[in-house]
Amino acid sequence: MINKELKEYLDNSIKVKKTLFKNFKEIKNSINFITRSIHSGGKVLIAGNGGSAADAQHLVAEFLVRLQSKVNRKGIAAITLAQDSSTITACSNDYNFELLFARNLETLGSKKDILIVISTSGNSQNIYEVLKVAKKMKIFSIGFFGNKGGKCKKLTNIPIIVDSRITSHIQEAHITLGHFIFMNVEKKIIDKK
């Protein structure tokens, strides 16, 4: 029984990841915009909730340290907008949890930066709020979304939609997407392209 369930789960996960190819143009553009931002002295700011917050931290670590063990390079400036438990609880208590990422972007962001948001539904209010601030600050945004992209899709410069309604498969596709994009950004930076 467990063999059949595992095979079915893996088959579905692979099928969802393969739908990412529909976003080829958006993925290619994301790589170029992130590379351009870093070359101009910008940084990558990433926001997500729950498992997506963990993905944001994971991807930030790939830029700060390195993604591939065979590649030694200087760190690439990247920050998660979730920050730390003190910032999260202070903002939630003093203002509102929905403003957490927006508040941090206003403080840490600049026009040269790139904002990446991760939301399996595309409807997270704090992601929506940070995208509104990014637009106001003229910070270019890339969104990793699931389902149909939700309400956040409209506010994002480059929305990349994972064609699934299953949260775990969307998250698996998001981390694959992040690794692929970051690996190619890393390569372009090393090759000075």
Protein backbone atom coordinates (compact mmCIF):
# COMPACT_ATOMS: atom_id res chain seq x y z
CA MET A 1 0.00 0.00 0.00
CA ILE A 2 2.69 2.51 0.99
CA ASN A 3 4.58 1.72 -2.26
CA LYS A 4 1.58 2.74 -4.32
CA GLU A 5 1.02 5.91 -2.28
CA LEU A 6 4.69 6.92 -2.55
CA LYS A 7 4.73 6.35 -6.32
CA GLU A 8 1.53 8.35 -6.74
CA TYR A 9 2.85 11.21 -4.57
CA LEU A 10 6.16 11.36 -6.47
CA ASP A 11 4.43 11.15 -9.85
CA ASN A 12 2.13 14.04 -8.90
CA SER A 13 5.04 16.11 -7.57
CA ILE A 14 7.03 15.58 -10.78
CA LYS A 15 3.97 16.39 -12.90
CA VAL A 16 3.49 19.70 -11.04
CA LYS A 17 7.19 20.61 -11.40
CA LYS A 18 7.01 19.94 -15.14
CA THR A 19 4.26 22.57 -15.45
CA LEU A 20 6.91 25.17 -14.52
CA PHE A 21 8.12 25.02 -18.11
CA LYS A 22 4.98 26.98 -19.09
CA ASN A 23 6.65 29.86 -17.21
CA PHE A 24 9.87 29.72 -19.26
CA LYS A 25 9.72 33.38 -20.35
CA GLU A 26 8.99 34.58 -16.78
CA ILE A 27 11.80 32.44 -15.36
CA LYS A 28 14.30 33.73 -17.93
CA ASN A 29 13.23 37.33 -17.26
CA SER A 30 13.52 36.79 -13.49
CA ILE A 31 17.11 35.58 -13.88
CA ASN A 32 17.95 38.67 -15.96
CA PHE A 33 16.26 41.18 -13.63
CA ILE A 34 17.85 39.71 -10.50
CA THR A 35 21.29 39.68 -12.15
CA ARG A 36 20.88 43.29 -13.28
CA SER A 37 19.80 44.35 -9.79
CA ILE A 38 22.83 42.72 -8.17
CA HIS A 39 25.20 44.20 -10.78
CA SER A 40 23.80 47.66 -10.00
CA GLY A 41 24.37 47.26 -6.24
CA GLY A 42 20.89 46.06 -5.34
CA LYS A 43 19.92 43.18 -3.11
CA VAL A 44 17.29 40.44 -3.12
CA LEU A 45 14.53 40.73 -0.51
CA ILE A 46 12.30 37.69 -0.01
CA ALA A 47 8.99 37.33 1.86
CA GLY A 48 6.81 34.32 2.62
CA ASN A 49 4.65 32.85 5.41
CA GLY A 50 4.97 29.49 7.16
CA GLY A 51 6.70 26.97 4.89
CA SER A 52 7.24 29.77 2.39
CA ALA A 53 9.07 31.76 5.12
CA ALA A 54 11.37 28.77 5.52
CA ASP A 55 11.85 28.70 1.72
CA ALA A 56 12.69 32.43 1.83
CA GLN A 57 15.36 31.80 4.50
CA HIS A 58 16.66 28.81 2.56
CA LEU A 59 17.05 30.83 -0.67
CA VAL A 60 18.65 33.77 1.16
CA ALA A 61 21.26 31.36 2.57
CA GLU A 62 22.00 30.12 -0.95
CA PHE A 63 22.88 33.69 -2.00
CA LEU A 64 24.71 34.74 1.17
CA VAL A 65 26.85 31.60 1.30
CA ARG A 66 26.69 29.58 -1.90
CA LEU A 67 24.35 27.32 -3.81
CA GLN A 68 26.78 24.85 -5.36
CA SER A 69 29.66 23.36 -3.41
CA LYS A 70 31.98 23.57 -6.42
CA VAL A 71 31.42 27.32 -6.79
CA ASN A 72 33.40 29.68 -4.57
CA ARG A 73 32.33 33.29 -4.92
CA LYS A 74 31.66 36.38 -2.84
CA GLY A 75 28.32 36.49 -1.06
CA ILE A 76 25.33 37.96 -2.87
CA ALA A 77 23.25 40.45 -0.89
CA ALA A 78 19.93 38.89 0.15
CA ILE A 79 17.60 39.35 3.12
CA THR A 80 14.41 37.66 4.28
CA LEU A 81 11.74 40.16 5.27
CA ALA A 82 10.53 37.83 8.03
CA GLN A 83 13.64 38.94 9.97
CA ASP A 84 13.47 37.46 13.49
CA SER A 85 10.98 36.64 16.22
CA SER A 86 11.46 40.04 17.93
CA THR A 87 10.66 41.97 14.74
CA ILE A 88 7.73 39.71 13.87
CA THR A 89 6.13 39.94 17.32
CA ALA A 90 6.81 43.69 17.70
CA CYS A 91 5.20 44.51 14.35
CA SER A 92 2.29 42.15 14.98
CA ASN A 93 1.69 43.65 18.43
CA ASP A 94 2.35 47.33 17.73
CA TYR A 95 0.87 47.51 14.23
CA ASN A 96 -0.56 44.47 12.49
CA PHE A 97 0.80 41.16 11.15
CA GLU A 98 -0.51 42.14 7.71
CA LEU A 99 2.03 45.00 7.66
CA LEU A 100 5.07 42.94 8.67
CA PHE A 101 6.70 42.62 5.24
CA ALA A 102 5.56 46.07 4.06
CA ARG A 103 7.10 47.72 7.14
CA ASN A 104 10.38 45.88 6.66
CA LEU A 105 10.50 46.65 2.93
CA GLU A 106 9.92 50.37 3.59
CA THR A 107 12.86 50.29 6.00
CA LEU A 108 15.31 48.02 4.17
CA GLY A 109 14.38 48.35 0.50
CA SER A 110 15.62 50.63 -2.26
CA LYS A 111 14.82 51.12 -5.96
CA LYS A 112 17.82 48.99 -6.99
CA ASP A 113 16.48 45.94 -5.12
CA ILE A 114 14.37 43.01 -6.25
CA LEU A 115 11.48 41.72 -4.13
CA ILE A 116 10.60 38.03 -4.37
CA VAL A 117 7.34 36.98 -2.72
CA ILE A 118 6.31 33.37 -2.13
CA SER A 119 2.67 32.45 -1.55
CA THR A 120 1.03 29.11 -2.30
CA SER A 121 -2.39 30.77 -2.55
CA GLY A 122 -1.39 34.18 -3.89
CA ASN A 123 -3.90 35.64 -1.43
CA SER A 124 -1.80 36.25 1.72
CA GLN A 125 -2.68 39.74 2.92
CA ASN A 126 0.82 40.55 4.16
CA ILE A 127 2.22 39.56 0.75
CA TYR A 128 -0.41 41.75 -0.93
CA GLU A 129 0.57 44.68 1.31
CA VAL A 130 4.30 44.32 0.60
CA LEU A 131 3.60 44.26 -3.13
CA LYS A 132 1.66 47.54 -2.80
CA VAL A 133 4.65 49.11 -1.04
CA ALA A 134 7.05 47.71 -3.67
CA LYS A 135 4.98 49.36 -6.42
CA LYS A 136 5.00 52.67 -4.54
CA MET A 137 8.79 52.44 -3.96
CA LYS A 138 9.37 51.33 -7.60
CA ILE A 139 10.95 48.06 -6.45
CA PHE A 140 10.69 45.34 -9.10
CA SER A 141 8.78 42.25 -7.88
CA ILE A 142 8.77 38.56 -8.73
CA GLY A 143 6.09 36.27 -7.32
CA PHE A 144 6.18 32.51 -6.80
CA PHE A 145 2.49 31.57 -6.53
CA GLY A 146 0.24 28.53 -6.66
CA ASN A 147 -3.33 27.99 -7.76
CA LYS A 148 -4.04 30.77 -10.25
CA GLY A 149 -1.86 33.40 -8.56
CA GLY A 150 -4.59 34.88 -6.39
CA LYS A 151 -5.00 38.62 -5.88
CA CYS A 152 -1.21 39.10 -5.56
CA LYS A 153 -0.64 38.17 -9.19
CA LYS A 154 -1.98 41.54 -10.41
CA LEU A 155 0.48 43.55 -8.31
CA THR A 156 3.57 41.52 -9.28
CA ASN A 157 5.88 42.50 -12.17
CA ILE A 158 6.69 38.86 -12.94
CA PRO A 159 4.23 36.32 -11.52
CA ILE A 160 5.33 32.69 -11.83
CA ILE A 161 2.39 30.37 -11.28
CA VAL A 162 2.68 26.74 -10.20
CA ASP A 163 -0.31 24.99 -11.73
CA SER A 164 -1.57 23.10 -8.68
CA ARG A 165 -3.91 23.42 -5.72
CA ILE A 166 -1.93 21.01 -3.53
CA THR A 167 0.14 23.08 -1.08
CA SER A 168 2.95 20.55 -0.65
CA HIS A 169 3.48 20.19 -4.40
CA ILE A 170 3.38 23.97 -4.86
CA GLN A 171 6.04 24.38 -2.14
CA GLU A 172 8.20 21.65 -3.68
CA ALA A 173 7.97 23.40 -7.05
CA HIS A 174 8.77 26.79 -5.47
CA ILE A 175 12.05 25.58 -3.97
CA THR A 176 12.98 23.90 -7.27
CA LEU A 177 12.16 27.14 -9.07
CA GLY A 178 14.21 29.18 -6.58
CA HIS A 179 17.20 26.87 -6.93
CA PHE A 180 17.08 27.00 -10.71
CA ILE A 181 16.77 30.79 -10.85
CA PHE A 182 19.46 31.38 -8.22
CA MET A 183 21.84 28.88 -9.86
CA ASN A 184 21.55 30.77 -13.14
CA VAL A 185 21.92 34.17 -11.45
CA GLU A 186 25.04 32.86 -9.72
CA LYS A 187 26.42 31.66 -13.04
CA LYS A 188 25.75 35.02 -14.75
CA ILE A 189 27.39 36.92 -11.89
CA ILE A 190 30.50 34.72 -12.01
CA ASP A 191 30.64 35.03 -15.82
CA LYS A 192 30.02 38.82 -15.43
CA LYS A 193 27.08 38.74 -17.86
